[in-house]
Protein backbone atom coordinates (compact mmCIF):
# COMPACT_ATOMS: atom_id res chain seq x y z
CA MET A 1 -98.91 -81.88 -27.20
CA LYS A 2 -96.65 -83.14 -24.49
CA SER A 3 -94.05 -84.30 -26.60
CA LYS A 4 -93.72 -80.54 -28.28
CA LEU A 5 -93.05 -78.27 -25.61
CA PRO A 6 -89.42 -79.42 -24.52
CA CYS A 7 -88.71 -79.16 -28.02
CA PHE A 8 -89.92 -75.52 -27.82
CA HIS A 9 -88.18 -74.87 -24.15
CA ALA A 10 -84.87 -76.32 -25.60
CA ILE A 11 -85.18 -73.85 -29.36
CA THR A 12 -85.60 -70.75 -27.04
CA ILE A 13 -82.56 -71.34 -25.07
CA LEU A 14 -80.36 -71.91 -27.57
CA ALA A 15 -81.62 -68.54 -28.76
CA ALA A 16 -81.43 -66.69 -25.95
CA LEU A 17 -77.20 -68.35 -25.59
CA SER A 18 -76.60 -66.82 -29.25
CA VAL A 19 -77.66 -63.26 -28.56
CA ALA A 20 -75.83 -63.46 -25.18
CA VAL A 21 -72.48 -64.50 -26.58
CA PRO A 22 -71.50 -61.58 -28.66
CA VAL A 23 -72.37 -59.27 -25.54
CA TRP A 24 -70.47 -61.10 -23.71
CA ALA A 25 -67.19 -60.74 -25.95
CA GLN A 26 -67.59 -57.19 -26.08
CA GLY A 27 -66.64 -56.87 -21.80
CA GLU A 28 -63.21 -56.79 -20.35
CA GLY A 29 -61.13 -59.77 -19.88
CA PRO A 30 -59.78 -62.59 -22.07
CA MET A 31 -61.33 -64.02 -24.30
CA PRO A 32 -62.25 -67.35 -24.02
CA ALA A 33 -60.08 -70.07 -26.06
CA GLY A 34 -63.38 -71.08 -28.55
CA ALA A 35 -64.26 -67.04 -29.26
CA PRO A 36 -64.07 -66.40 -32.67
CA SER A 37 -61.28 -64.18 -34.05
CA SER A 38 -63.56 -61.64 -35.12
CA GLN A 39 -64.85 -61.56 -32.04
CA LYS A 40 -60.99 -61.41 -30.78
CA ALA A 41 -59.89 -58.41 -33.13
CA ALA A 42 -62.92 -56.08 -31.83
CA GLN A 43 -61.66 -56.86 -28.36
CA SER A 44 -58.00 -56.07 -29.36
CA SER A 45 -58.95 -52.67 -31.21
CA SER A 46 -61.40 -51.25 -28.31
CA GLN A 47 -58.81 -51.68 -25.93
CA PRO A 48 -56.46 -48.78 -26.45
CA ALA A 49 -58.98 -46.58 -26.93
CA ALA A 50 -59.88 -47.67 -23.55
CA ASN A 51 -56.38 -47.11 -22.16
CA ALA A 52 -56.54 -43.60 -23.84
CA THR A 53 -59.56 -42.26 -22.10
CA ALA A 54 -57.83 -43.92 -18.71
CA THR A 55 -54.84 -42.22 -18.75
CA PRO A 56 -54.46 -38.63 -17.32
CA ALA A 57 -53.25 -35.93 -19.60
CA ALA A 58 -49.73 -34.77 -19.18
CA ALA A 59 -48.61 -31.97 -17.07
CA PRO A 60 -47.53 -28.81 -19.40
CA ALA A 61 -43.81 -28.15 -19.73
CA PRO A 62 -42.37 -25.56 -17.75
CA VAL A 63 -41.58 -22.56 -19.28
CA ALA A 64 -38.28 -20.87 -19.38
CA SER A 65 -37.39 -18.03 -17.32
CA ALA A 66 -36.52 -15.27 -19.32
CA GLY A 67 -33.59 -13.75 -17.50
CA PRO A 68 -30.76 -14.84 -15.29
CA SER A 69 -31.55 -16.66 -12.01
CA ALA A 70 -30.33 -14.10 -8.99
CA SER A 71 -27.82 -17.51 -8.33
CA SER A 72 -26.30 -17.06 -11.60
CA ALA A 73 -26.00 -13.64 -12.05
CA GLN A 74 -22.80 -11.92 -12.59
CA ILE A 75 -20.85 -8.24 -12.13
CA GLN A 76 -18.07 -7.32 -13.80
CA VAL A 77 -15.22 -5.65 -12.64
CA PRO A 78 -14.27 -3.84 -16.01
CA THR A 79 -10.40 -3.90 -17.27
CA GLY A 80 -8.37 -0.85 -15.66
CA THR A 81 -10.07 -0.51 -12.49
CA HIS A 82 -7.13 -0.05 -9.81
CA ILE A 83 -7.40 -1.54 -6.69
CA PRO A 84 -4.73 0.19 -3.86
CA LEU A 85 -2.46 -2.89 -2.09
CA VAL A 86 -0.11 -3.30 1.17
CA LEU A 87 2.08 -5.60 0.99
CA HIS A 88 2.50 -8.55 3.79
CA ASN A 89 6.42 -9.84 2.97
CA GLY A 90 9.14 -7.87 1.84
CA ILE A 91 10.77 -8.95 -1.47
CA SER A 92 14.36 -7.69 -2.63
CA THR A 93 16.09 -8.18 -6.20
CA ARG A 94 18.62 -9.45 -3.45
CA SER A 95 17.49 -12.60 -2.65
CA ALA A 96 13.99 -13.09 -4.42
CA ARG A 97 13.46 -15.92 -6.90
CA PRO A 98 10.93 -16.82 -10.01
CA GLY A 99 8.42 -18.34 -8.44
CA ASP A 100 8.45 -16.74 -4.85
CA PRO A 101 5.39 -15.55 -3.55
CA VAL A 102 4.28 -12.82 -2.70
CA TYR A 103 0.75 -11.42 -0.39
CA PHE A 104 -1.29 -8.42 -0.34
CA GLU A 105 -4.22 -6.76 1.14
CA THR A 106 -6.27 -4.43 -0.38
CA LEU A 107 -6.78 -1.16 1.44
CA PHE A 108 -9.62 0.56 0.09
CA PRO A 109 -13.14 -0.85 -1.22
CA VAL A 110 -14.42 -1.27 -4.84
CA MET A 111 -17.73 -0.30 -5.78
CA VAL A 112 -19.72 -1.33 -9.00
CA ASP A 113 -23.34 0.32 -9.68
CA GLY A 114 -23.02 1.91 -5.65
CA LYS A 115 -22.82 -1.42 -4.40
CA VAL A 116 -19.27 -2.46 -2.80
CA VAL A 117 -17.84 -5.99 -4.13
CA ILE A 118 -14.65 -6.03 -2.79
CA PRO A 119 -13.76 -4.54 0.06
CA ALA A 120 -10.81 -3.56 2.39
CA GLY A 121 -8.90 -5.97 3.99
CA SER A 122 -9.26 -8.74 1.03
CA TYR A 123 -6.42 -10.61 0.44
CA VAL A 124 -4.29 -10.90 -2.95
CA SER A 125 -1.78 -13.16 -3.51
CA GLY A 126 0.53 -13.61 -6.61
CA GLU A 127 4.04 -14.66 -7.22
CA VAL A 128 7.51 -13.13 -8.34
CA THR A 129 7.86 -13.58 -12.56
CA GLN A 130 11.57 -12.00 -12.86
CA SER A 131 13.97 -11.20 -10.23
CA LYS A 132 16.99 -9.02 -11.83
CA ARG A 133 19.85 -7.49 -9.32
CA PRO A 134 21.66 -4.10 -10.76
CA GLY A 135 24.88 -4.39 -12.72
CA ARG A 136 28.37 -3.69 -11.74
CA VAL A 137 28.80 -0.94 -14.02
CA LYS A 138 25.51 -0.06 -15.07
CA GLY A 139 21.82 -1.49 -15.02
CA ARG A 140 18.88 -1.09 -12.10
CA GLY A 141 17.41 -3.58 -10.07
CA GLU A 142 14.33 -5.25 -11.59
CA LEU A 143 11.31 -6.89 -10.25
CA ALA A 144 8.29 -8.48 -11.95
CA ILE A 145 5.11 -9.48 -10.07
CA LYS A 146 2.13 -11.25 -11.13
CA LEU A 147 -1.26 -10.90 -9.55
CA THR A 148 -3.23 -13.92 -9.63
CA THR A 149 -5.79 -14.37 -6.94
CA MET A 150 -7.88 -12.61 -4.56
CA ILE A 151 -10.27 -13.76 -1.89
CA LEU A 152 -12.62 -11.57 -1.03
CA PRO A 153 -13.62 -11.74 3.39
CA ASN A 154 -16.13 -14.68 3.32
CA ALA A 155 -13.71 -16.39 1.41
CA TYR A 156 -15.11 -16.41 -1.93
CA GLN A 157 -11.68 -16.84 -4.00
CA VAL A 158 -11.66 -15.30 -7.69
CA ASN A 159 -9.28 -15.53 -10.61
CA LEU A 160 -7.33 -12.08 -10.93
CA ASN A 161 -4.98 -11.06 -13.49
CA ALA A 162 -3.70 -7.67 -12.18
CA SER A 163 -0.22 -5.90 -12.73
CA PRO A 164 1.42 -3.37 -10.63
CA SER A 165 1.01 0.60 -11.79
CA GLY A 166 2.84 2.13 -8.52
CA ALA A 167 4.53 1.69 -5.38
CA GLY A 168 5.58 3.56 -2.18
CA THR A 169 8.40 1.74 -1.26
CA GLY A 170 10.05 4.03 1.21
CA GLY A 171 12.73 4.80 -1.66
CA GLY A 172 13.19 5.47 -5.06
CA GLU A 173 11.69 2.30 -6.86
CA THR A 174 9.57 3.04 -9.92
CA VAL A 175 7.50 1.28 -11.84
CA ASN A 176 7.62 1.20 -15.48
CA SER A 177 4.66 1.17 -17.97
CA GLU A 178 5.31 -2.99 -18.39
CA GLY A 179 4.64 -3.27 -14.43
CA LYS A 180 8.40 -3.85 -13.30
CA VAL A 181 9.40 -2.35 -10.58
CA ILE A 182 13.12 -0.43 -10.85
CA GLY A 183 15.38 0.79 -8.45
CA ASP A 184 16.63 3.21 -7.66
CA THR A 185 20.69 4.71 -8.77
CA ASP A 186 22.80 5.72 -6.49
CA LYS A 187 25.09 8.22 -8.74
CA ALA A 188 25.61 10.65 -5.85
CA SER A 189 26.89 8.12 -4.01
CA ASP A 190 28.62 7.29 -6.68
CA VAL A 191 30.44 10.65 -6.89
CA GLY A 192 30.56 10.67 -3.54
CA THR A 193 32.62 8.36 -3.65
CA VAL A 194 35.13 8.94 -5.91
CA VAL A 195 35.54 12.70 -4.36
CA LYS A 196 36.45 11.09 -0.64
CA THR A 197 38.64 8.65 -2.03
CA THR A 198 40.96 11.64 -4.00
CA ALA A 199 40.84 13.75 -1.15
CA ALA A 200 42.06 11.03 1.24
CA GLY A 201 44.70 9.59 -1.50
CA ALA A 202 45.75 14.06 -2.55
CA GLY A 203 46.40 14.34 1.42
CA ILE A 204 48.42 11.04 1.85
CA GLY A 205 50.36 11.81 -1.23
CA GLY A 206 51.72 15.48 -0.16
CA ILE A 207 52.25 14.17 3.67
CA ALA A 208 54.63 11.32 2.08
CA SER A 209 56.33 13.83 -0.54
CA GLN A 210 55.94 16.98 1.56
CA SER A 211 55.12 18.62 -2.05
CA GLY A 212 52.83 19.69 -4.34
CA LYS A 213 53.80 17.31 -6.67
CA GLY A 214 52.98 14.33 -4.16
CA ALA A 215 49.96 15.03 -3.44
CA ALA A 216 48.58 14.99 -7.26
CA ILE A 217 49.79 12.14 -7.98
CA GLY A 218 48.37 10.71 -4.33
CA ALA A 219 45.09 12.90 -5.58
CA GLY A 220 45.19 10.73 -8.78
CA ILE A 221 45.76 7.37 -6.86
CA GLY A 222 42.82 8.12 -5.03
CA ALA A 223 40.53 8.91 -7.57
CA ALA A 224 41.37 5.95 -9.31
CA ALA A 225 40.95 3.86 -5.98
CA GLY A 226 37.09 5.33 -6.14
CA LEU A 227 36.61 4.63 -9.50
CA GLY A 228 37.44 0.96 -8.76
CA ALA A 229 35.12 1.13 -5.77
CA VAL A 230 32.49 2.22 -7.70
CA LEU A 231 32.82 -0.19 -10.85
CA LEU A 232 33.15 -3.45 -8.47
CA SER A 233 30.09 -2.66 -6.65
CA ARG A 234 26.83 -3.24 -7.52
CA GLY A 235 23.97 -0.05 -7.76
CA PRO A 236 21.31 -0.52 -5.23
CA ASP A 237 18.60 -3.22 -5.23
CA ALA A 238 14.75 -3.04 -6.27
CA GLU A 239 13.55 -3.24 -3.11
CA LEU A 240 9.70 -4.31 -1.64
CA PRO A 241 9.76 -4.03 1.73
CA ARG A 242 6.84 -5.00 3.99
CA GLY A 243 4.28 -2.54 4.04
CA SER A 244 5.16 -0.98 0.69
CA THR A 245 1.85 0.10 -1.11
CA VAL A 246 1.18 -0.56 -4.42
CA GLU A 247 -1.59 0.16 -6.91
CA ALA A 248 -2.94 -2.58 -8.64
CA VAL A 249 -4.39 -2.27 -12.45
CA ILE A 250 -6.64 -4.95 -13.35
CA ASP A 251 -5.18 -6.61 -17.03
CA ARG A 252 -9.13 -7.76 -17.54
CA PRO A 253 -12.52 -8.30 -16.26
CA ILE A 254 -13.54 -10.03 -13.27
CA PHE A 255 -16.82 -12.05 -13.07
CA LEU A 256 -18.21 -12.18 -9.45
CA ASP A 257 -20.91 -13.59 -8.86
CA ALA A 258 -23.54 -11.64 -7.03
CA ASP A 259 -25.08 -13.71 -4.66
CA LYS A 260 -21.76 -14.06 -3.15
CA VAL A 261 -20.61 -10.12 -3.13
CA GLN A 262 -23.59 -9.07 -1.31
CA PHE A 263 -21.35 -6.62 1.53
CA THR A 264 -23.05 -4.29 3.24
CA ASN A 265 -19.79 -2.46 4.43
CA PRO A 266 -16.92 -1.31 3.29
CA GLY A 267 -14.61 -3.79 5.29
CA THR A 268 -11.39 -2.79 7.13
CA ALA A 269 -7.76 -2.95 6.23
CA SER A 270 -5.12 -4.43 8.70
CA THR A 271 -2.82 -1.79 9.96
CA LEU A 272 0.56 -2.27 8.91
CA PRO A 273 2.97 1.08 9.64
CA GLY A 274 4.61 1.58 6.14
CA PRO A 275 8.11 1.60 4.98
CA PRO A 276 10.60 3.68 6.47
CA ASN A 277 12.28 6.33 4.18
CA ARG A 278 15.64 5.15 3.09
CA GLU A 279 18.42 5.89 0.78
CA PRO A 280 19.87 3.75 -1.70
CA GLN A 281 22.76 1.67 -0.62
CA ARG A 282 25.93 0.87 -2.97
CA ASP A 283 28.13 -1.84 -1.50
CA LYS A 284 31.34 0.36 -0.49
CA ILE A 285 34.77 -1.13 -1.00
CA PRO A 286 37.31 0.04 0.93
CA PHE A 287 35.01 2.96 1.83
């Protein structure tokens, strides 16, 4: 009887180990080197499922806003809007050249939907694109300018494409349909020059010859001299003196960022005296 008991206990221990090994193989952790391949496959197939269970669910994607944000909203100043300006630096066909800068300031606020978008006192800059002096026989002086940039009082800068439609220069300058400033003529002064030279010539001829024939000859000479003076001199230059007012018209829409044009007052323009009234002046020779 004593010899059979150790064998019985050994068999019981082996049976317990054979049951424990598969249970241990299904746990987490690496398999021992001697484990069966079927147990390794079972562990690898069960590992992704465990990881998937441990991974938290992904957050839902944010829904895009249907409308534009406040920072991207824009206000449109439509084509054809008139902007009254005053000139800070005088220009003339006598000295202006293409590329010379011109500096303006807005005189009156521009409003869109009841809100001030371009306050008075905003700066506008541009350049001379053409400068043509008047001819000696015919032709008027011409100035063409292009307005390119606008700077609002809060330093917000926008591109501008505008041309003048009217000008108050104190003289007889006009603005044509192309936005060119056209100089005045001096026909009255030309007639006066001829009359003066004719009278002077007649007086000199009458005194010299003591006869009506001499006066007639002198008048003819004087008229010829006066006409020559007109033909040899240029007409009046086209001018925009400092303080001239110009009404600019926008050629295409201006888009302003809504968050940068939240003005609460209409602004204030500089006080510049207007140009003095002036008559066209032709260079007279010799009178």
